[in-house]
């Protein structure tokens, strides 16, 4: 098995976090919780912020 690079690990962590966030938001929407609107707004913000943060981490990993 090929050893994973730090770039691949950071990308995989980003994908796992995004999928987990969407699953949690979907479950909250199905359960009709009172904070579903805030959770959805947080999901939208994180959808934009998380890949940017992941890109920054990957960028710094490749410089060293």
PDB file of N, CA and C in Angstrom:
ATOM      1  N   UNK A   1       0.843  -1.181   0.000  1.00  0.00           N
ATOM      2  CA  UNK A   1       0.000   0.000   0.000  1.00  0.00           C
ATOM      3  C   UNK A   1       0.887   1.242   0.000  1.00  0.00           C
ATOM      4  N   UNK A   2       0.525   2.194  -0.835  1.00  0.00           N
ATOM      5  CA  UNK A   2       1.303   3.410  -0.961  1.00  0.00           C
ATOM      6  C   UNK A   2       1.091   4.320   0.256  1.00  0.00           C
ATOM      7  N   UNK A   3       2.170   4.919   0.723  1.00  0.00           N
ATOM      8  CA  UNK A   3       2.092   5.819   1.874  1.00  0.00           C
ATOM      9  C   UNK A   3       1.394   7.116   1.454  1.00  0.00           C
ATOM     10  N   UNK A   4       0.487   7.582   2.310  1.00  0.00           N
ATOM     11  CA  UNK A   4      -0.254   8.816   2.001  1.00  0.00           C
ATOM     12  C   UNK A   4       0.593  10.037   2.348  1.00  0.00           C
ATOM     13  N   UNK A   5       0.526  11.031   1.489  1.00  0.00           N
ATOM     14  CA  UNK A   5       1.248  12.271   1.718  1.00  0.00           C
ATOM     15  C   UNK A   5       0.412  13.179   2.623  1.00  0.00           C
ATOM     16  N   UNK A   6       1.051  14.189   3.228  1.00  0.00           N
ATOM     17  CA  UNK A   6       0.266  15.130   4.050  1.00  0.00           C
ATOM     18  C   UNK A   6      -0.835  15.840   3.253  1.00  0.00           C
ATOM     19  N   UNK A   7      -0.608  16.086   1.974  1.00  0.00           N
ATOM     20  CA  UNK A   7      -1.634  16.713   1.134  1.00  0.00           C
ATOM     21  C   UNK A   7      -2.862  15.813   1.028  1.00  0.00           C
ATOM     22  N   UNK A   8      -2.620  14.524   0.804  1.00  0.00           N
ATOM     23  CA  UNK A   8      -3.726  13.593   0.676  1.00  0.00           C
ATOM     24  C   UNK A   8      -4.483  13.442   1.991  1.00  0.00           C
ATOM     25  N   UNK A   9      -3.767  13.447   3.085  1.00  0.00           N
ATOM     26  CA  UNK A   9      -4.409  13.329   4.405  1.00  0.00           C
ATOM     27  C   UNK A   9      -5.274  14.556   4.677  1.00  0.00           C
ATOM     28  N   UNK A  10      -4.761  15.749   4.379  1.00  0.00           N
ATOM     29  CA  UNK A  10      -5.531  16.976   4.598  1.00  0.00           C
ATOM     30  C   UNK A  10      -6.781  16.995   3.722  1.00  0.00           C
ATOM     31  N   UNK A  11      -6.661  16.558   2.480  1.00  0.00           N
ATOM     32  CA  UNK A  11      -7.814  16.525   1.581  1.00  0.00           C
ATOM     33  C   UNK A  11      -8.845  15.506   2.055  1.00  0.00           C
ATOM     34  N   UNK A  12      -8.381  14.360   2.514  1.00  0.00           N
ATOM     35  CA  UNK A  12      -9.299  13.334   3.010  1.00  0.00           C
ATOM     36  C   UNK A  12     -10.030  13.801   4.266  1.00  0.00           C
ATOM     37  N   UNK A  13      -9.331  14.461   5.154  1.00  0.00           N
ATOM     38  CA  UNK A  13      -9.963  15.006   6.368  1.00  0.00           C
ATOM     39  C   UNK A  13     -11.019  16.040   5.993  1.00  0.00           C
ATOM     40  N   UNK A  14     -10.714  16.879   5.018  1.00  0.00           N
ATOM     41  CA  UNK A  14     -11.668  17.896   4.565  1.00  0.00           C
ATOM     42  C   UNK A  14     -12.931  17.242   4.001  1.00  0.00           C
ATOM     43  N   UNK A  15     -12.766  16.219   3.199  1.00  0.00           N
ATOM     44  CA  UNK A  15     -13.919  15.522   2.621  1.00  0.00           C
ATOM     45  C   UNK A  15     -14.755  14.864   3.710  1.00  0.00           C
ATOM     46  N   UNK A  16     -14.115  14.212   4.654  1.00  0.00           N
ATOM     47  CA  UNK A  16     -14.839  13.549   5.746  1.00  0.00           C
ATOM     48  C   UNK A  16     -15.616  14.570   6.576  1.00  0.00           C
ATOM     49  N   UNK A  17     -14.994  15.704   6.874  1.00  0.00           N
ATOM     50  CA  UNK A  17     -15.688  16.742   7.654  1.00  0.00           C
ATOM     51  C   UNK A  17     -16.884  17.314   6.902  1.00  0.00           C
ATOM     52  N   UNK A  18     -16.742  17.534   5.596  1.00  0.00           N
ATOM     53  CA  UNK A  18     -17.858  18.054   4.811  1.00  0.00           C
ATOM     54  C   UNK A  18     -19.013  17.055   4.764  1.00  0.00           C
ATOM     55  N   UNK A  19     -18.718  15.788   4.545  1.00  0.00           N
ATOM     56  CA  UNK A  19     -19.772  14.771   4.494  1.00  0.00           C
ATOM     57  C   UNK A  19     -20.464  14.654   5.857  1.00  0.00           C
ATOM     58  N   UNK A  20     -19.690  14.636   6.932  1.00  0.00           N
ATOM     59  CA  UNK A  20     -20.278  14.553   8.270  1.00  0.00           C
ATOM     60  C   UNK A  20     -21.171  15.759   8.557  1.00  0.00           C
ATOM     61  N   UNK A  21     -20.729  16.932   8.147  1.00  0.00           N
ATOM     62  CA  UNK A  21     -21.524  18.137   8.368  1.00  0.00           C
ATOM     63  C   UNK A  21     -22.855  18.053   7.627  1.00  0.00           C
ATOM     64  N   UNK A  22     -22.842  17.569   6.373  1.00  0.00           N
ATOM     65  CA  UNK A  22     -24.083  17.457   5.605  1.00  0.00           C
ATOM     66  C   UNK A  22     -25.010  16.397   6.184  1.00  0.00           C
ATOM     67  N   UNK A  23     -24.471  15.310   6.672  1.00  0.00           N
ATOM     68  CA  UNK A  23     -25.293  14.263   7.275  1.00  0.00           C
ATOM     69  C   UNK A  23     -25.963  14.793   8.547  1.00  0.00           C
ATOM     70  N   UNK A  24     -25.211  15.495   9.371  1.00  0.00           N
ATOM     71  CA  UNK A  24     -25.774  16.051  10.603  1.00  0.00           C
ATOM     72  C   UNK A  24     -26.861  17.080  10.283  1.00  0.00           C
ATOM     73  N   UNK A  25     -26.625  17.917   9.281  1.00  0.00           N
ATOM     74  CA  UNK A  25     -27.624  18.913   8.893  1.00  0.00           C
ATOM     75  C   UNK A  25     -28.883  18.238   8.358  1.00  0.00           C
ATOM     76  N   UNK A  26     -28.720  17.182   7.566  1.00  0.00           N
ATOM     77  CA  UNK A  26     -29.868  16.449   7.032  1.00  0.00           C
ATOM     78  C   UNK A  26     -30.685  15.810   8.155  1.00  0.00           C
ATOM     79  N   UNK A  27     -30.010  15.212   9.110  1.00  0.00           N
ATOM     80  CA  UNK A  27     -30.705  14.584  10.242  1.00  0.00           C
ATOM     81  C   UNK A  27     -31.447  15.640  11.057  1.00  0.00           C
ATOM     82  N   UNK A  28     -30.826  16.791  11.271  1.00  0.00           N
ATOM     83  CA  UNK A  28     -31.484  17.858  12.033  1.00  0.00           C
ATOM     84  C   UNK A  28     -32.715  18.371  11.290  1.00  0.00           C
ATOM     85  N   UNK A  29     -32.632  18.444   9.959  1.00  0.00           N
ATOM     86  CA  UNK A  29     -33.782  18.901   9.179  1.00  0.00           C
ATOM     87  C   UNK A  29     -34.918  17.882   9.231  1.00  0.00           C
ATOM     88  N   UNK A  30     -34.584  16.606   9.220  1.00  0.00           N
ATOM     89  CA  UNK A  30     -35.612  15.561   9.286  1.00  0.00           C
ATOM     90  C   UNK A  30     -36.275  15.509  10.658  1.00  0.00           C
ATOM     91  N   UNK A  31     -35.528  15.809  11.703  1.00  0.00           N
ATOM     92  CA  UNK A  31     -36.080  15.767  13.055  1.00  0.00           C
ATOM     93  C   UNK A  31     -36.835  17.044  13.412  1.00  0.00           C
ATOM     94  N   UNK A  32     -36.767  18.061  12.541  1.00  0.00           N
ATOM     95  CA  UNK A  32     -37.467  19.326  12.731  1.00  0.00           C
ATOM     96  C   UNK A  32     -37.121  19.966  14.076  1.00  0.00           C
ATOM     97  N   UNK A  33     -35.836  20.132  14.303  1.00  0.00           N
ATOM     98  CA  UNK A  33     -35.365  20.788  15.519  1.00  0.00           C
ATOM     99  C   UNK A  33     -35.584  22.300  15.399  1.00  0.00           C
ATOM    100  N   UNK A  34     -35.598  22.992  16.522  1.00  0.00           N
ATOM    101  CA  UNK A  34     -35.847  24.430  16.498  1.00  0.00           C
ATOM    102  C   UNK A  34     -34.658  25.214  15.936  1.00  0.00           C
ATOM    103  N   UNK A  35     -33.453  24.674  16.047  1.00  0.00           N
ATOM    104  CA  UNK A  35     -32.265  25.375  15.582  1.00  0.00           C
ATOM    105  C   UNK A  35     -31.841  24.963  14.175  1.00  0.00           C
ATOM    106  N   UNK A  36     -32.733  24.381  13.400  1.00  0.00           N
ATOM    107  CA  UNK A  36     -32.375  23.895  12.073  1.00  0.00           C
ATOM    108  C   UNK A  36     -31.937  25.036  11.167  1.00  0.00           C
ATOM    109  N   UNK A  37     -32.564  26.180  11.269  1.00  0.00           N
ATOM    110  CA  UNK A  37     -32.192  27.327  10.429  1.00  0.00           C
ATOM    111  C   UNK A  37     -30.775  27.795  10.708  1.00  0.00           C
ATOM    112  N   UNK A  38     -30.414  27.863  11.975  1.00  0.00           N
ATOM    113  CA  UNK A  38     -29.057  28.263  12.333  1.00  0.00           C
ATOM    114  C   UNK A  38     -28.049  27.205  11.909  1.00  0.00           C
ATOM    115  N   UNK A  39     -28.425  25.954  12.032  1.00  0.00           N
ATOM    116  CA  UNK A  39     -27.547  24.862  11.620  1.00  0.00           C
ATOM    117  C   UNK A  39     -27.317  24.906  10.110  1.00  0.00           C
ATOM    118  N   UNK A  40     -28.364  25.208   9.343  1.00  0.00           N
ATOM    119  CA  UNK A  40     -28.228  25.317   7.895  1.00  0.00           C
ATOM    120  C   UNK A  40     -27.341  26.492   7.517  1.00  0.00           C
ATOM    121  N   UNK A  41     -27.503  27.617   8.197  1.00  0.00           N
ATOM    122  CA  UNK A  41     -26.648  28.777   7.932  1.00  0.00           C
ATOM    123  C   UNK A  41     -25.182  28.463   8.250  1.00  0.00           C
ATOM    124  N   UNK A  42     -24.967  27.756   9.337  1.00  0.00           N
ATOM    125  CA  UNK A  42     -23.609  27.340   9.676  1.00  0.00           C
ATOM    126  C   UNK A  42     -23.039  26.388   8.639  1.00  0.00           C
ATOM    127  N   UNK A  43     -23.882  25.513   8.115  1.00  0.00           N
ATOM    128  CA  UNK A  43     -23.469  24.571   7.078  1.00  0.00           C
ATOM    129  C   UNK A  43     -23.042  25.318   5.822  1.00  0.00           C
ATOM    130  N   UNK A  44     -23.784  26.336   5.451  1.00  0.00           N
ATOM    131  CA  UNK A  44     -23.415  27.132   4.273  1.00  0.00           C
ATOM    132  C   UNK A  44     -22.078  27.840   4.483  1.00  0.00           C
ATOM    133  N   UNK A  45     -21.889  28.412   5.643  1.00  0.00           N
ATOM    134  CA  UNK A  45     -20.629  29.105   5.927  1.00  0.00           C
ATOM    135  C   UNK A  45     -19.455  28.131   5.942  1.00  0.00           C
ATOM    136  N   UNK A  46     -19.668  26.975   6.534  1.00  0.00           N
ATOM    137  CA  UNK A  46     -18.599  25.981   6.618  1.00  0.00           C
ATOM    138  C   UNK A  46     -18.288  25.384   5.252  1.00  0.00           C
ATOM    139  N   UNK A  47     -19.293  25.293   4.376  1.00  0.00           N
ATOM    140  CA  UNK A  47     -19.076  24.791   3.031  1.00  0.00           C
ATOM    141  C   UNK A  47     -18.082  25.670   2.278  1.00  0.00           C
ATOM    142  N   UNK A  48     -18.087  26.940   2.565  1.00  0.00           N
ATOM    143  CA  UNK A  48     -17.150  27.864   1.926  1.00  0.00           C
ATOM    144  C   UNK A  48     -15.821  27.894   2.672  1.00  0.00           C
ATOM    145  N   UNK A  49     -15.873  27.927   3.986  1.00  0.00           N
ATOM    146  CA  UNK A  49     -14.658  28.116   4.784  1.00  0.00           C
ATOM    147  C   UNK A  49     -13.772  26.873   4.847  1.00  0.00           C
ATOM    148  N   UNK A  50     -14.353  25.706   4.982  1.00  0.00           N
ATOM    149  CA  UNK A  50     -13.560  24.487   5.172  1.00  0.00           C
ATOM    150  C   UNK A  50     -12.640  24.173   3.987  1.00  0.00           C
ATOM    151  N   UNK A  51     -13.104  24.228   2.744  1.00  0.00           N
ATOM    152  CA  UNK A  51     -12.173  23.989   1.630  1.00  0.00           C
ATOM    153  C   UNK A  51     -11.062  25.044   1.540  1.00  0.00           C
ATOM    154  N   UNK A  52     -11.370  26.275   1.904  1.00  0.00           N
ATOM    155  CA  UNK A  52     -10.342  27.317   1.881  1.00  0.00           C
ATOM    156  C   UNK A  52      -9.277  27.022   2.935  1.00  0.00           C
ATOM    157  N   UNK A  53      -9.715  26.650   4.122  1.00  0.00           N
ATOM    158  CA  UNK A  53      -8.766  26.303   5.188  1.00  0.00           C
ATOM    159  C   UNK A  53      -7.946  25.082   4.784  1.00  0.00           C
ATOM    160  N   UNK A  54      -8.591  24.101   4.173  1.00  0.00           N
ATOM    161  CA  UNK A  54      -7.886  22.908   3.714  1.00  0.00           C
ATOM    162  C   UNK A  54      -6.853  23.274   2.657  1.00  0.00           C
ATOM    163  N   UNK A  55      -7.207  24.158   1.740  1.00  0.00           N
ATOM    164  CA  UNK A  55      -6.269  24.589   0.701  1.00  0.00           C
ATOM    165  C   UNK A  55      -5.051  25.286   1.326  1.00  0.00           C
ATOM    166  N   UNK A  56      -5.291  26.115   2.337  1.00  0.00           N
ATOM    167  CA  UNK A  56      -4.190  26.806   3.012  1.00  0.00           C
ATOM    168  C   UNK A  56      -3.268  25.791   3.685  1.00  0.00           C
ATOM    169  N   UNK A  57      -3.843  24.798   4.355  1.00  0.00           N
ATOM    170  CA  UNK A  57      -3.036  23.765   4.996  1.00  0.00           C
ATOM    171  C   UNK A  57      -2.217  23.012   3.961  1.00  0.00           C
ATOM    172  N   UNK A  58      -2.832  22.623   2.860  1.00  0.00           N
ATOM    173  CA  UNK A  58      -2.120  21.905   1.805  1.00  0.00           C
ATOM    174  C   UNK A  58      -1.024  22.776   1.216  1.00  0.00           C
ATOM    175  N   UNK A  59      -1.293  24.056   1.047  1.00  0.00           N
ATOM    176  CA  UNK A  59      -0.306  24.979   0.495  1.00  0.00           C
ATOM    177  C   UNK A  59       0.930  25.054   1.395  1.00  0.00           C
ATOM    178  N   UNK A  60       0.706  25.144   2.709  1.00  0.00           N
ATOM    179  CA  UNK A  60       1.840  25.221   3.634  1.00  0.00           C
ATOM    180  C   UNK A  60       2.570  23.887   3.765  1.00  0.00           C
ATOM    181  N   UNK A  61       1.850  22.787   3.616  1.00  0.00           N
ATOM    182  CA  UNK A  61       2.504  21.465   3.664  1.00  0.00           C
ATOM    183  C   UNK A  61       3.438  21.271   2.474  1.00  0.00           C
ATOM    184  N   UNK A  62       3.066  21.822   1.331  1.00  0.00           N
ATOM    185  CA  UNK A  62       3.881  21.620   0.133  1.00  0.00           C
ATOM    186  C   UNK A  62       5.130  22.530   0.153  1.00  0.00           C
ATOM    187  N   UNK A  63       5.124  23.585   0.934  1.00  0.00           N
ATOM    188  CA  UNK A  63       6.267  24.501   1.008  1.00  0.00           C
ATOM    189  C   UNK A  63       7.394  23.954   1.850  1.00  0.00           C
ATOM    190  N   UNK A  64       7.062  23.075   2.801  1.00  0.00           N
ATOM    191  CA  UNK A  64       8.104  22.572   3.702  1.00  0.00           C
ATOM    192  C   UNK A  64       8.788  21.333   3.177  1.00  0.00           C
TER     193      UNK A  64
END
